[in-house]
């Protein structure tokens, strides 16, 4: 599916939500793809620090509408939890499984 079709039909590859639920990132395109199996360890390395994604961002500042912007993927990883992935193969989902070491609060 083309990126423009994903945006029109609101079918993101991933959805990330902040801890307080006020921010949401719908990932429509990876410019520097982390690969089919999301390798979060690799994303934290210096070489991949500036991997960008095209997102529809919903925040308190967008007045209930998504704003289409480029975001550094690492910025999303450090402050949000993935709640949906198009290719997730697990009935339990991803949220709360500890896949994202950046989201571990402690």
Protein backbone atom coordinates (compact mmCIF):
# COMPACT_ATOMS: atom_id res chain seq x y z
CA UNK A 1 0.00 0.00 0.00
CA UNK A 2 1.36 3.43 -0.93
CA UNK A 3 1.98 6.02 1.78
CA UNK A 4 -0.67 8.36 0.37
CA UNK A 5 -3.25 5.55 0.51
CA UNK A 6 -2.28 4.78 4.12
CA UNK A 7 -2.82 8.42 5.10
CA UNK A 8 -6.15 8.76 3.25
CA UNK A 9 -7.51 5.53 4.74
CA UNK A 10 -5.96 6.11 8.18
CA UNK A 11 -4.08 2.78 8.13
CA UNK A 12 -0.77 3.40 9.94
CA UNK A 13 2.09 0.91 10.25
CA UNK A 14 2.34 1.57 13.99
CA UNK A 15 0.60 3.61 16.67
CA UNK A 16 2.44 4.95 19.72
CA UNK A 17 0.79 6.66 22.71
CA UNK A 18 2.38 8.73 25.49
CA UNK A 19 2.07 7.61 29.11
CA UNK A 20 -0.57 10.25 29.89
CA UNK A 21 -2.49 9.53 26.66
CA UNK A 22 -2.39 13.12 25.42
CA UNK A 23 0.03 12.44 22.55
CA UNK A 24 -0.37 9.89 19.77
CA UNK A 25 1.94 9.12 16.85
CA UNK A 26 0.58 7.20 13.84
CA UNK A 27 3.58 6.04 11.80
CA UNK A 28 2.80 6.01 8.07
CA UNK A 29 6.30 5.69 6.59
CA UNK A 30 9.82 4.77 7.68
CA UNK A 31 12.49 6.76 5.85
CA UNK A 32 15.24 4.72 7.46
CA UNK A 33 13.40 1.51 8.19
CA UNK A 34 14.35 -0.49 11.26
CA UNK A 35 13.42 -3.66 9.37
CA UNK A 36 10.43 -5.97 9.56
CA UNK A 37 11.29 -7.19 13.06
CA UNK A 38 11.65 -4.02 15.08
CA UNK A 39 15.14 -4.05 16.54
CA UNK A 40 14.99 -1.53 19.38
CA UNK A 41 18.53 -2.24 20.53
CA UNK A 42 19.85 -1.23 17.12
CA UNK A 43 17.69 1.92 17.09
CA UNK A 44 19.50 3.19 20.17
CA UNK A 45 22.90 3.16 18.48
CA UNK A 46 24.47 6.37 17.24
CA UNK A 47 24.22 5.31 13.58
CA UNK A 48 20.42 5.09 13.75
CA UNK A 49 19.79 8.00 16.06
CA UNK A 50 18.49 10.16 13.20
CA UNK A 51 16.17 7.64 11.52
CA UNK A 52 13.01 9.54 10.58
CA UNK A 53 9.37 8.52 10.22
CA UNK A 54 6.36 10.25 8.70
CA UNK A 55 3.70 10.52 11.40
CA UNK A 56 0.24 11.82 11.99
CA UNK A 57 0.68 13.42 15.41
CA UNK A 58 -2.25 14.11 17.71
CA UNK A 59 -1.45 16.35 20.67
CA UNK A 60 -3.07 18.96 22.91
CA UNK A 61 -1.75 21.55 20.44
CA UNK A 62 -3.42 20.13 17.31
CA UNK A 63 -7.00 20.68 18.51
CA UNK A 64 -8.27 17.14 17.92
CA UNK A 65 -6.75 16.65 14.46
CA UNK A 66 -3.64 14.81 13.30
CA UNK A 67 -0.80 16.93 12.01
CA UNK A 68 1.43 15.27 9.41
CA UNK A 69 5.12 15.73 10.34
CA UNK A 70 8.53 14.06 10.20
CA UNK A 71 9.74 12.82 13.58
CA UNK A 72 12.95 11.16 14.74
CA UNK A 73 11.97 7.58 15.59
CA UNK A 74 14.17 7.61 18.69
CA UNK A 75 12.14 10.54 20.07
CA UNK A 76 9.00 8.43 19.91
CA UNK A 77 10.73 5.43 21.48
CA UNK A 78 11.88 7.44 24.48
CA UNK A 79 8.48 8.78 25.50
CA UNK A 80 5.74 6.48 24.21
CA UNK A 81 4.47 2.90 24.20
CA UNK A 82 3.57 1.09 21.00
CA UNK A 83 -0.09 0.07 21.10
CA UNK A 84 -0.48 -1.19 17.52
CA UNK A 85 1.78 -2.64 14.85
CA UNK A 86 0.51 -3.70 11.44
CA UNK A 87 2.68 -6.81 11.38
CA UNK A 88 2.24 -7.90 15.01
CA UNK A 89 1.85 -11.65 15.10
CA UNK A 90 0.91 -11.94 18.74
CA UNK A 91 -2.67 -11.98 20.09
CA UNK A 92 -1.48 -10.33 23.31
CA UNK A 93 -0.33 -7.24 21.44
CA UNK A 94 2.85 -5.40 22.18
CA UNK A 95 1.88 -3.04 24.95
CA UNK A 96 3.40 -4.01 28.27
CA UNK A 97 5.56 -6.86 26.99
CA UNK A 98 8.85 -5.14 27.79
CA UNK A 99 9.98 -4.93 24.17
CA UNK A 100 10.84 -1.27 24.51
CA UNK A 101 13.59 -0.79 27.06
CA UNK A 102 13.09 2.98 26.87
CA UNK A 103 9.58 2.64 28.30
CA UNK A 104 10.56 0.73 31.40
CA UNK A 105 9.73 2.97 34.32
CA UNK A 106 11.67 2.30 37.45
